[in-house]
Amino acid sequence: MPERTTVRLPEDLVRRAKRKALAEGRSLTALIEDGLRRVLDDRAPRVRAKRVLAPVSSATGGLMPGVSLDDGAALQELEDLQTAGRLR
């Protein structure tokens, strides 16, 4: 029987994880379990972090309004939302 435990995570991380789980059609528990298995499996190949490019306005050629390069979590969330939108 699976063990039940409590973890404390930053709100933005939980929010992003829930969106990713929803976009992939699985539970938050399954997402967390998969992540833990990957981290703990010494045989798993190391995955390089994917570069996140900031959204660029086609009108001005600069960053989209409200986008800050100083907020990496917000940039990742934008990418997650775009990916989820393409999956629908």
Protein backbone atom coordinates (compact mmCIF):
# COMPACT_ATOMS: atom_id res chain seq x y z
CA MET A 1 0.00 0.00 0.00
CA PRO A 2 1.41 3.42 -0.92
CA GLU A 3 2.62 5.58 1.92
CA ARG A 4 0.97 8.91 2.52
CA THR A 5 3.21 11.87 3.30
CA THR A 6 3.10 15.64 3.48
CA VAL A 7 5.56 17.89 1.68
CA ARG A 8 5.82 21.65 1.68
CA LEU A 9 6.44 23.17 -1.74
CA PRO A 10 6.45 26.75 -3.03
CA GLU A 11 3.02 27.80 -4.31
CA ASP A 12 4.30 28.63 -7.80
CA LEU A 13 5.91 25.18 -8.11
CA VAL A 14 2.69 23.44 -7.09
CA ARG A 15 0.66 25.58 -9.49
CA ARG A 16 3.02 24.75 -12.39
CA ALA A 17 3.06 21.05 -11.47
CA LYS A 18 -0.75 20.91 -11.41
CA ARG A 19 -0.95 22.57 -14.82
CA LYS A 20 1.61 20.17 -16.27
CA ALA A 21 -0.17 17.14 -14.81
CA LEU A 22 -3.47 18.38 -16.23
CA ALA A 23 -1.92 19.03 -19.65
CA GLU A 24 -0.51 15.49 -19.66
CA GLY A 25 -3.78 13.95 -18.45
CA ARG A 26 -2.41 12.50 -15.22
CA SER A 27 -2.54 13.17 -11.51
CA LEU A 28 -0.23 15.41 -9.53
CA THR A 29 0.77 12.33 -7.53
CA ALA A 30 1.82 10.51 -10.72
CA LEU A 31 3.85 13.55 -11.84
CA ILE A 32 5.65 13.79 -8.49
CA GLU A 33 6.25 10.03 -8.39
CA ASP A 34 7.74 10.07 -11.89
CA GLY A 35 10.00 12.99 -10.96
CA LEU A 36 11.25 11.28 -7.81
CA ARG A 37 11.93 8.05 -9.69
CA ARG A 38 13.97 9.95 -12.29
CA VAL A 39 16.02 11.76 -9.66
CA LEU A 40 16.67 8.58 -7.67
CA ASP A 41 17.45 6.34 -10.66
CA ASP A 42 21.23 6.50 -11.11
CA ARG A 43 20.93 4.79 -14.49
CA ALA A 44 18.68 7.46 -15.96
CA PRO A 45 20.42 9.77 -18.43
CA ARG A 46 20.87 13.31 -17.22
CA VAL A 47 18.47 15.66 -18.95
CA ARG A 48 19.85 19.06 -19.83
CA ALA A 49 17.60 21.95 -18.94
CA LYS A 50 15.74 23.29 -21.94
CA ARG A 51 16.29 26.96 -22.70
CA VAL A 52 13.19 29.07 -22.30
CA LEU A 53 12.94 31.95 -24.73
CA ALA A 54 10.89 34.96 -23.76
CA PRO A 55 7.78 35.72 -25.86
CA VAL A 56 8.50 38.48 -28.36
CA SER A 57 5.94 40.95 -29.68
CA SER A 58 5.55 40.86 -33.45
CA ALA A 59 4.42 44.50 -33.36
CA THR A 60 7.37 46.03 -31.50
CA GLY A 61 10.01 43.31 -31.71
CA GLY A 62 10.54 43.57 -27.95
CA LEU A 63 9.25 41.52 -25.07
CA MET A 64 5.52 40.98 -24.78
CA PRO A 65 3.84 43.37 -22.33
CA GLY A 66 4.13 42.16 -18.75
CA VAL A 67 7.04 39.78 -19.44
CA SER A 68 10.15 40.18 -17.31
CA LEU A 69 13.43 38.40 -17.98
CA ASP A 70 14.15 38.58 -14.24
CA ASP A 71 11.32 36.14 -13.40
CA GLY A 72 12.36 32.69 -14.63
CA ALA A 73 9.38 30.97 -12.99
CA ALA A 74 6.95 33.23 -14.85
CA LEU A 75 8.72 32.53 -18.15
CA GLN A 76 8.50 28.79 -17.52
CA GLU A 77 4.83 29.11 -16.63
CA LEU A 78 4.16 30.94 -19.92
CA GLU A 79 5.86 28.12 -21.80
CA ASP A 80 3.87 25.50 -19.88
CA LEU A 81 0.61 27.29 -20.73
CA GLN A 82 1.58 27.50 -24.42
CA THR A 83 2.40 23.78 -24.46
CA ALA A 84 -0.88 22.93 -22.74
CA GLY A 85 -2.73 25.05 -25.30
CA ARG A 86 -1.13 23.14 -28.17
CA LEU A 87 -2.12 19.79 -26.63
CA ARG A 88 -5.82 20.64 -26.63
